[in-house]
N, C-alpha and C. Protein backbone atom coordinates (compact mmCIF):
# COMPACT_ATOMS: atom_id res chain seq x y z
N MET A 1 -23.19 -27.97 -61.56
CA MET A 1 -22.03 -27.47 -60.41
C MET A 1 -21.68 -28.31 -59.41
N ILE A 2 -21.04 -28.97 -59.31
CA ILE A 2 -20.42 -29.82 -58.07
C ILE A 2 -19.27 -29.37 -57.54
N HIS A 3 -19.40 -28.75 -55.98
CA HIS A 3 -18.58 -27.88 -55.24
C HIS A 3 -17.43 -28.70 -55.52
N PRO A 4 -16.01 -27.87 -55.14
CA PRO A 4 -14.95 -28.86 -55.13
C PRO A 4 -14.66 -29.31 -53.84
N LEU A 5 -15.85 -28.73 -52.67
CA LEU A 5 -15.60 -29.47 -51.51
C LEU A 5 -16.88 -30.41 -50.92
N SER A 6 -17.09 -31.07 -52.04
CA SER A 6 -18.16 -31.98 -51.84
C SER A 6 -17.45 -33.53 -52.19
N ASP A 7 -18.05 -34.39 -51.56
CA ASP A 7 -17.49 -36.10 -52.06
C ASP A 7 -18.64 -36.63 -52.73
N CYS A 8 -18.61 -36.28 -53.92
CA CYS A 8 -19.37 -36.62 -55.14
C CYS A 8 -18.55 -37.98 -56.00
N VAL A 9 -19.17 -39.15 -55.45
CA VAL A 9 -18.45 -40.09 -56.50
C VAL A 9 -19.27 -40.73 -57.23
N ASN A 10 -20.72 -39.78 -57.60
CA ASN A 10 -21.41 -40.34 -58.58
C ASN A 10 -20.90 -39.73 -59.87
N THR A 11 -20.93 -40.67 -60.91
CA THR A 11 -20.41 -39.38 -62.40
C THR A 11 -21.46 -39.33 -63.32
N ASN A 12 -22.83 -39.51 -62.59
CA ASN A 12 -24.08 -39.33 -63.66
C ASN A 12 -25.01 -37.90 -63.14
N ILE A 13 -23.98 -37.00 -62.83
CA ILE A 13 -24.98 -35.74 -62.05
C ILE A 13 -25.44 -34.93 -63.45
N PRO A 14 -26.42 -34.77 -63.60
CA PRO A 14 -26.30 -33.49 -64.47
C PRO A 14 -25.90 -32.16 -64.26
N GLU A 15 -25.41 -32.04 -65.45
CA GLU A 15 -25.27 -30.37 -65.55
C GLU A 15 -25.45 -29.21 -64.88
N ASN A 16 -26.58 -29.36 -64.93
CA ASN A 16 -27.59 -28.16 -64.48
C ASN A 16 -28.31 -28.59 -62.93
N THR A 17 -27.82 -29.78 -62.33
CA THR A 17 -27.69 -29.80 -60.97
C THR A 17 -26.59 -29.32 -60.15
N ASN A 18 -27.05 -28.67 -58.89
CA ASN A 18 -26.00 -28.31 -58.21
C ASN A 18 -25.94 -29.02 -56.79
N ILE A 19 -24.46 -29.37 -56.18
CA ILE A 19 -24.35 -30.20 -54.96
C ILE A 19 -23.37 -29.35 -54.46
N TRP A 20 -23.63 -28.62 -53.53
CA TRP A 20 -23.28 -27.70 -52.01
C TRP A 20 -21.83 -28.48 -51.33
N GLN A 21 -21.14 -27.90 -50.75
CA GLN A 21 -20.36 -28.00 -50.52
C GLN A 21 -20.01 -29.40 -49.23
N PHE A 22 -19.62 -30.27 -48.79
CA PHE A 22 -19.70 -30.91 -47.59
C PHE A 22 -20.38 -32.03 -47.82
N THR A 23 -21.13 -32.38 -49.23
CA THR A 23 -22.31 -33.45 -49.38
C THR A 23 -21.68 -34.69 -50.08
N VAL A 24 -22.07 -35.47 -49.55
CA VAL A 24 -21.46 -36.76 -50.40
C VAL A 24 -22.53 -37.74 -51.01
N VAL A 25 -22.08 -37.63 -52.33
CA VAL A 25 -23.18 -38.60 -53.05
C VAL A 25 -22.62 -40.05 -53.69
N LEU A 26 -23.01 -40.99 -53.34
CA LEU A 26 -22.36 -42.44 -53.45
C LEU A 26 -22.71 -42.86 -54.97
N PRO A 27 -22.04 -43.86 -55.58
CA PRO A 27 -21.98 -43.61 -57.02
C PRO A 27 -23.55 -44.45 -57.72
N GLY A 28 -24.36 -45.02 -56.24
CA GLY A 28 -25.36 -45.77 -57.43
C GLY A 28 -26.52 -44.85 -57.54
N ALA A 29 -26.50 -43.89 -56.67
CA ALA A 29 -27.71 -42.97 -56.52
C ALA A 29 -28.12 -42.25 -58.06
N VAL A 30 -29.15 -42.14 -58.12
CA VAL A 30 -29.72 -41.58 -59.36
C VAL A 30 -30.01 -40.48 -59.20
N ILE A 31 -29.77 -39.19 -59.71
CA ILE A 31 -30.28 -37.92 -59.31
C ILE A 31 -30.64 -37.25 -60.59
N GLY A 32 -31.79 -36.54 -60.80
CA GLY A 32 -32.35 -35.85 -61.79
C GLY A 32 -31.78 -34.16 -62.24
N LYS A 33 -32.44 -33.88 -63.23
CA LYS A 33 -32.28 -32.40 -63.83
C LYS A 33 -32.49 -31.54 -62.89
N ASN A 34 -31.69 -30.26 -62.80
CA ASN A 34 -32.08 -29.02 -62.51
C ASN A 34 -32.37 -29.27 -60.58
N CYS A 35 -31.54 -29.98 -60.16
CA CYS A 35 -31.73 -29.76 -58.31
C CYS A 35 -30.97 -29.27 -57.70
N ASN A 36 -31.23 -28.81 -56.61
CA ASN A 36 -30.23 -28.49 -55.51
C ASN A 36 -29.97 -29.09 -54.62
N ILE A 37 -28.76 -29.52 -53.99
CA ILE A 37 -28.50 -30.70 -52.95
C ILE A 37 -27.70 -29.57 -52.43
N CYS A 38 -28.28 -29.07 -51.03
CA CYS A 38 -27.47 -28.24 -50.44
C CYS A 38 -26.32 -28.97 -49.76
N SER A 39 -25.69 -28.07 -48.91
CA SER A 39 -24.74 -28.43 -47.80
C SER A 39 -24.70 -29.60 -46.83
N HIS A 40 -23.74 -30.43 -46.36
CA HIS A 40 -24.01 -31.02 -45.46
C HIS A 40 -24.69 -32.51 -45.50
N CYS A 41 -25.34 -32.81 -46.97
CA CYS A 41 -25.96 -33.58 -47.18
C CYS A 41 -25.45 -35.23 -47.52
N PHE A 42 -26.12 -36.13 -47.50
CA PHE A 42 -25.78 -37.55 -47.27
C PHE A 42 -26.32 -38.70 -48.03
N ILE A 43 -26.31 -38.95 -49.63
CA ILE A 43 -27.19 -39.67 -50.66
C ILE A 43 -26.45 -40.90 -50.77
N GLU A 44 -27.28 -42.08 -50.08
CA GLU A 44 -26.67 -43.89 -50.30
C GLU A 44 -27.11 -43.99 -51.74
N ASN A 45 -26.35 -45.04 -52.04
CA ASN A 45 -26.41 -45.48 -52.98
C ASN A 45 -27.50 -45.94 -53.85
N LYS A 46 -28.68 -46.70 -52.91
CA LYS A 46 -29.77 -47.13 -53.78
C LYS A 46 -30.93 -46.00 -53.40
N VAL A 47 -30.83 -44.40 -53.88
CA VAL A 47 -31.54 -43.79 -53.74
C VAL A 47 -32.18 -42.98 -55.05
N PHE A 48 -33.29 -42.79 -55.45
CA PHE A 48 -33.78 -42.22 -56.67
C PHE A 48 -33.83 -40.65 -56.50
N ILE A 49 -33.41 -39.79 -57.34
CA ILE A 49 -34.00 -38.58 -56.78
C ILE A 49 -34.47 -38.01 -57.98
N GLY A 50 -35.77 -37.19 -58.19
CA GLY A 50 -36.37 -37.04 -59.52
C GLY A 50 -35.69 -35.53 -60.35
N ASP A 51 -36.28 -34.77 -60.70
CA ASP A 51 -35.84 -33.51 -61.05
C ASP A 51 -36.37 -32.53 -60.63
N ASN A 52 -35.86 -31.23 -60.70
CA ASN A 52 -36.30 -30.16 -60.09
C ASN A 52 -36.61 -30.71 -58.71
N VAL A 53 -35.60 -31.07 -57.96
CA VAL A 53 -36.04 -31.47 -56.18
C VAL A 53 -34.98 -30.53 -55.39
N THR A 54 -35.40 -29.92 -54.87
CA THR A 54 -34.78 -29.12 -53.80
C THR A 54 -34.12 -29.89 -52.35
N ILE A 55 -33.35 -29.89 -51.81
CA ILE A 55 -32.88 -30.80 -50.77
C ILE A 55 -31.76 -29.62 -50.07
N LYS A 56 -32.43 -29.48 -49.00
CA LYS A 56 -32.30 -28.40 -47.99
C LYS A 56 -30.96 -28.46 -47.35
N ALA A 57 -29.93 -28.32 -46.51
CA ALA A 57 -28.83 -28.39 -45.48
C ALA A 57 -29.14 -29.78 -44.60
N GLY A 58 -28.26 -30.56 -44.60
CA GLY A 58 -28.36 -31.48 -43.58
C GLY A 58 -29.44 -32.65 -43.56
N VAL A 59 -29.62 -32.93 -44.78
CA VAL A 59 -30.25 -34.10 -45.30
C VAL A 59 -29.59 -35.35 -45.67
N LYS A 60 -30.11 -36.50 -44.47
CA LYS A 60 -29.77 -37.98 -45.10
C LYS A 60 -30.78 -38.77 -45.89
N ILE A 61 -30.16 -39.22 -47.15
CA ILE A 61 -31.36 -39.74 -47.44
C ILE A 61 -30.86 -41.94 -47.69
N TRP A 62 -31.66 -42.42 -47.19
CA TRP A 62 -30.64 -43.90 -47.07
C TRP A 62 -31.25 -44.69 -48.47
N ASP A 63 -30.35 -45.60 -48.57
CA ASP A 63 -31.39 -46.85 -49.49
C ASP A 63 -31.96 -47.14 -49.12
N GLY A 64 -33.26 -47.53 -50.43
CA GLY A 64 -34.65 -47.13 -50.36
C GLY A 64 -35.80 -45.99 -50.57
N VAL A 65 -35.28 -45.22 -50.85
CA VAL A 65 -35.91 -43.67 -50.76
C VAL A 65 -35.99 -43.32 -51.91
N THR A 66 -37.23 -42.77 -52.49
CA THR A 66 -37.31 -42.65 -53.81
C THR A 66 -38.14 -41.05 -53.83
N ILE A 67 -37.48 -40.14 -54.32
CA ILE A 67 -38.10 -38.64 -54.51
C ILE A 67 -38.75 -38.34 -55.64
N GLU A 68 -39.80 -38.38 -55.82
CA GLU A 68 -40.05 -37.86 -57.26
C GLU A 68 -40.11 -36.68 -57.61
N ASP A 69 -40.51 -35.62 -59.07
CA ASP A 69 -39.70 -34.68 -59.29
C ASP A 69 -40.39 -33.37 -58.45
N ASN A 70 -40.10 -32.07 -58.41
CA ASN A 70 -40.91 -31.38 -57.73
C ASN A 70 -40.93 -31.02 -56.53
N VAL A 71 -40.08 -31.64 -56.00
CA VAL A 71 -40.25 -32.34 -54.18
C VAL A 71 -39.22 -31.18 -53.60
N PHE A 72 -39.79 -30.68 -52.50
CA PHE A 72 -39.01 -30.02 -51.69
C PHE A 72 -38.80 -30.84 -50.54
N VAL A 73 -37.54 -30.75 -50.29
CA VAL A 73 -37.33 -31.56 -48.76
C VAL A 73 -36.41 -30.56 -47.47
N GLY A 74 -36.84 -29.98 -46.62
CA GLY A 74 -36.53 -28.85 -46.04
C GLY A 74 -35.36 -29.20 -45.05
N ALA A 75 -34.71 -28.48 -44.25
CA ALA A 75 -33.16 -28.69 -43.65
C ALA A 75 -33.41 -29.90 -42.52
N ASN A 76 -32.38 -30.48 -42.51
CA ASN A 76 -32.29 -31.46 -41.40
C ASN A 76 -33.61 -32.46 -41.38
N VAL A 77 -34.43 -32.81 -42.31
CA VAL A 77 -35.08 -33.94 -42.28
C VAL A 77 -34.27 -35.17 -42.34
N SER A 78 -34.84 -36.58 -41.69
CA SER A 78 -34.23 -37.55 -40.98
C SER A 78 -35.48 -38.67 -41.98
N PHE A 79 -34.97 -39.12 -43.24
CA PHE A 79 -35.57 -40.00 -43.64
C PHE A 79 -34.97 -41.54 -42.57
N THR A 80 -36.06 -42.68 -42.51
CA THR A 80 -35.30 -43.64 -41.76
C THR A 80 -35.76 -45.08 -42.81
N ASN A 81 -34.33 -46.28 -43.07
CA ASN A 81 -34.70 -47.03 -43.44
C ASN A 81 -35.20 -48.63 -42.91
N ASP A 82 -34.94 -48.54 -41.64
CA ASP A 82 -35.02 -49.47 -40.74
C ASP A 82 -35.72 -49.44 -39.33
N MET A 83 -37.28 -50.02 -39.18
CA MET A 83 -37.55 -49.97 -38.31
C MET A 83 -37.12 -50.15 -37.20
N TYR A 84 -36.32 -51.37 -36.99
CA TYR A 84 -35.75 -51.85 -35.76
C TYR A 84 -34.05 -51.80 -35.57
N PRO A 85 -33.38 -50.73 -35.82
CA PRO A 85 -32.25 -50.91 -35.73
C PRO A 85 -31.53 -51.53 -34.53
N ARG A 86 -30.11 -52.14 -34.78
CA ARG A 86 -29.45 -52.53 -34.06
C ARG A 86 -27.92 -52.47 -34.52
N SER A 87 -27.05 -52.00 -33.84
CA SER A 87 -25.32 -51.65 -33.75
C SER A 87 -24.93 -53.09 -34.65
N LYS A 88 -23.98 -52.56 -36.16
CA LYS A 88 -23.68 -54.01 -36.31
C LYS A 88 -24.73 -54.95 -37.21
N GLN A 89 -25.83 -55.12 -36.82
CA GLN A 89 -26.99 -55.91 -37.58
C GLN A 89 -27.70 -55.14 -38.62
N TYR A 90 -27.81 -55.50 -39.72
CA TYR A 90 -28.08 -54.97 -40.73
C TYR A 90 -29.02 -55.70 -41.83
N ASP A 91 -30.57 -55.33 -42.05
CA ASP A 91 -31.36 -56.06 -42.64
C ASP A 91 -30.82 -56.07 -44.07
N LYS A 92 -31.25 -57.41 -44.62
CA LYS A 92 -30.80 -57.75 -45.96
C LYS A 92 -31.58 -56.65 -46.83
N VAL A 93 -32.48 -56.20 -46.70
CA VAL A 93 -33.62 -55.70 -47.72
C VAL A 93 -34.12 -54.60 -46.74
N PHE A 94 -33.92 -53.28 -47.21
CA PHE A 94 -34.66 -52.28 -46.21
C PHE A 94 -35.62 -51.86 -46.85
N PHE A 95 -36.77 -51.23 -46.29
CA PHE A 95 -38.13 -50.62 -46.58
C PHE A 95 -37.87 -49.38 -47.43
N SER A 96 -39.18 -49.56 -48.13
CA SER A 96 -38.92 -48.53 -49.46
C SER A 96 -39.98 -46.98 -49.07
N THR A 97 -39.20 -45.88 -48.91
CA THR A 97 -39.80 -44.87 -48.88
C THR A 97 -40.09 -43.95 -50.32
N LYS A 98 -41.49 -43.77 -50.36
CA LYS A 98 -41.58 -42.70 -51.46
C LYS A 98 -42.58 -41.34 -51.36
N VAL A 99 -41.66 -40.49 -51.99
CA VAL A 99 -41.85 -38.98 -51.59
C VAL A 99 -42.62 -38.57 -53.31
N CYS A 100 -44.00 -38.59 -53.48
CA CYS A 100 -44.56 -38.21 -54.72
C CYS A 100 -44.44 -36.91 -55.05
N LYS A 101 -44.71 -36.53 -56.77
CA LYS A 101 -44.15 -35.50 -56.95
C LYS A 101 -45.21 -34.38 -56.71
N GLY A 102 -44.25 -33.20 -56.38
CA GLY A 102 -44.87 -31.96 -55.66
C GLY A 102 -45.08 -31.60 -54.16
N ALA A 103 -44.64 -32.79 -53.76
CA ALA A 103 -45.17 -32.76 -52.00
C ALA A 103 -43.69 -31.99 -51.24
N SER A 104 -43.65 -31.50 -50.42
CA SER A 104 -42.97 -30.69 -49.66
C SER A 104 -42.82 -31.10 -47.83
N ILE A 105 -41.84 -31.56 -47.45
CA ILE A 105 -41.67 -31.76 -46.22
C ILE A 105 -40.66 -30.61 -45.37
N GLY A 106 -41.25 -30.18 -44.39
CA GLY A 106 -40.78 -29.09 -43.53
C GLY A 106 -39.47 -29.64 -42.80
N ALA A 107 -38.72 -28.65 -41.95
CA ALA A 107 -37.53 -28.69 -41.65
C ALA A 107 -37.29 -29.69 -40.26
N ASN A 108 -36.75 -30.38 -40.39
CA ASN A 108 -36.60 -31.16 -38.50
C ASN A 108 -37.47 -32.21 -39.07
N ALA A 109 -38.21 -32.60 -40.09
CA ALA A 109 -39.29 -33.87 -40.05
C ALA A 109 -38.76 -35.09 -40.14
N VAL A 110 -39.28 -36.01 -39.24
CA VAL A 110 -38.98 -37.25 -39.51
C VAL A 110 -39.69 -38.32 -40.26
N ILE A 111 -39.48 -39.10 -41.17
CA ILE A 111 -39.85 -39.86 -42.06
C ILE A 111 -39.34 -41.49 -41.52
N LEU A 112 -40.84 -41.98 -41.02
CA LEU A 112 -40.77 -43.21 -40.67
C LEU A 112 -40.39 -44.28 -42.11
N PRO A 113 -39.48 -45.45 -41.82
CA PRO A 113 -39.41 -46.53 -43.00
C PRO A 113 -40.90 -47.08 -43.66
N GLY A 114 -40.72 -47.19 -45.21
CA GLY A 114 -41.61 -47.81 -45.58
C GLY A 114 -43.21 -46.80 -45.54
N ILE A 115 -42.95 -45.44 -45.78
CA ILE A 115 -44.19 -44.66 -45.73
C ILE A 115 -43.94 -44.02 -47.33
N THR A 116 -45.42 -43.66 -47.83
CA THR A 116 -45.60 -43.11 -48.78
C THR A 116 -46.19 -41.63 -48.73
N ILE A 117 -45.54 -40.23 -49.32
CA ILE A 117 -46.25 -39.40 -48.98
C ILE A 117 -46.61 -39.00 -50.33
N GLY A 118 -47.79 -38.56 -50.38
CA GLY A 118 -48.52 -38.81 -51.77
C GLY A 118 -48.40 -37.32 -52.51
N GLU A 119 -48.94 -37.08 -53.66
CA GLU A 119 -48.32 -36.06 -54.41
C GLU A 119 -49.52 -34.72 -53.80
N ARG A 120 -48.43 -33.54 -54.26
CA ARG A 120 -48.63 -32.21 -53.47
C ARG A 120 -49.04 -32.49 -52.09
N ALA A 121 -48.89 -33.22 -51.24
CA ALA A 121 -49.07 -33.34 -49.59
C ALA A 121 -47.57 -32.48 -48.71
N ILE A 122 -48.00 -31.69 -48.05
CA ILE A 122 -47.26 -30.98 -47.38
C ILE A 122 -47.00 -31.70 -45.50
N ILE A 123 -45.74 -31.63 -45.39
CA ILE A 123 -45.30 -32.01 -43.78
C ILE A 123 -44.80 -31.10 -43.21
N GLY A 124 -45.61 -30.67 -41.99
CA GLY A 124 -44.99 -29.49 -41.61
C GLY A 124 -43.79 -29.91 -40.60
N ALA A 125 -43.20 -28.59 -40.38
CA ALA A 125 -42.23 -28.57 -39.81
C ALA A 125 -41.85 -29.40 -38.37
N GLY A 126 -40.78 -30.21 -38.25
CA GLY A 126 -40.74 -31.06 -36.80
C GLY A 126 -41.46 -32.19 -37.03
N SER A 127 -42.47 -32.26 -37.42
CA SER A 127 -43.50 -33.72 -37.88
C SER A 127 -42.68 -35.30 -37.67
N VAL A 128 -43.42 -36.09 -37.06
CA VAL A 128 -43.06 -37.62 -37.42
C VAL A 128 -44.27 -37.89 -38.09
N VAL A 129 -43.31 -38.82 -39.45
CA VAL A 129 -44.16 -39.02 -39.73
C VAL A 129 -44.34 -40.82 -39.70
N THR A 130 -45.35 -41.21 -39.20
CA THR A 130 -45.96 -42.60 -38.90
C THR A 130 -46.34 -43.74 -39.90
N ARG A 131 -47.08 -42.88 -40.95
CA ARG A 131 -48.10 -43.60 -41.68
C ARG A 131 -48.07 -42.97 -43.16
N ASP A 132 -48.56 -43.66 -44.07
CA ASP A 132 -48.89 -43.05 -45.56
C ASP A 132 -49.66 -41.80 -45.37
N ILE A 133 -49.22 -40.89 -46.30
CA ILE A 133 -49.77 -39.82 -46.31
C ILE A 133 -50.64 -39.13 -47.42
N PRO A 134 -51.86 -39.15 -47.34
CA PRO A 134 -52.51 -39.09 -48.80
C PRO A 134 -52.12 -37.68 -49.85
N SER A 135 -52.39 -37.86 -50.82
CA SER A 135 -52.30 -36.72 -51.69
C SER A 135 -52.82 -35.56 -51.33
N ASP A 136 -52.66 -34.30 -51.78
CA ASP A 136 -53.14 -33.12 -51.10
C ASP A 136 -53.66 -32.74 -50.26
N GLU A 137 -52.85 -33.43 -48.87
CA GLU A 137 -53.30 -32.75 -47.71
C GLU A 137 -52.26 -32.38 -46.84
N ILE A 138 -52.34 -31.63 -45.59
CA ILE A 138 -51.56 -31.00 -44.98
C ILE A 138 -51.23 -32.10 -43.49
N TRP A 139 -50.29 -32.62 -43.21
CA TRP A 139 -50.24 -33.56 -41.66
C TRP A 139 -48.89 -32.49 -41.18
N ALA A 140 -49.17 -32.37 -39.40
CA ALA A 140 -48.24 -32.23 -38.73
C ALA A 140 -48.05 -32.52 -37.86
N GLY A 141 -47.12 -32.48 -36.57
CA GLY A 141 -47.44 -33.06 -35.33
C GLY A 141 -46.48 -34.32 -35.04
N ASN A 142 -46.66 -34.71 -33.88
CA ASN A 142 -45.99 -36.15 -33.50
C ASN A 142 -46.97 -36.93 -32.50
N PRO A 143 -47.47 -37.90 -33.13
CA PRO A 143 -47.23 -38.04 -34.47
C PRO A 143 -47.93 -37.26 -35.62
N ALA A 144 -47.36 -37.06 -36.96
CA ALA A 144 -48.01 -36.32 -37.63
C ALA A 144 -49.85 -36.82 -37.82
N THR A 145 -50.42 -35.63 -37.95
CA THR A 145 -51.93 -35.79 -37.89
C THR A 145 -52.78 -35.18 -39.02
N PHE A 146 -53.58 -35.39 -39.38
CA PHE A 146 -54.48 -34.43 -40.51
C PHE A 146 -54.66 -33.12 -40.49
N LEU A 147 -54.07 -32.20 -41.22
CA LEU A 147 -54.91 -30.47 -40.37
C LEU A 147 -55.93 -29.84 -41.46
N ARG A 148 -55.47 -30.26 -42.78
CA ARG A 148 -56.53 -29.71 -43.59
C ARG A 148 -55.98 -30.47 -45.43
N LYS A 149 -56.85 -30.32 -46.56
CA LYS A 149 -56.52 -30.40 -47.52
C LYS A 149 -55.99 -28.99 -48.42
N THR A 150 -55.11 -29.54 -48.95
CA THR A 150 -53.97 -28.20 -49.47
C THR A 150 -54.69 -27.58 -50.68
N ASP A 151 -54.87 -26.08 -50.90
CA ASP A 151 -54.96 -25.36 -51.89
C ASP A 151 -54.85 -25.99 -53.22
N GLN A 152 -53.99 -26.58 -53.22
CA GLN A 152 -53.43 -27.29 -54.56
C GLN A 152 -53.12 -25.87 -55.21
């Protein structure tokens, strides 16, 4: 279901994926089956989103971000793809960011460019992720630090 108030110019959205109002999906993005992309999101061209992904309201996903299957992305999570942005000066190649299978990112977290978040890892709400996160670990804070292993 693609909400009529969205701006989805991508023609390859699976029928069982929901895209809600005021969300923009550019034509080059790849979005999997059974996803729920809430309102006020933006998904750029060079983005891959796997199956069974939940993306809550207000998330912006820029070129170079890969989100694997069964990932949860909380409201207003900020992905970045340029470490040193300048107005009207764009890198020719952006950093690649990867969120691996089953990971969860809490609301308002900031994910710096070039980061990999491991399988089933959990990022606490409001965290600033400045380095790769191993699988099956919980990290939180600014900057995010290791709290404990997940229960899987």
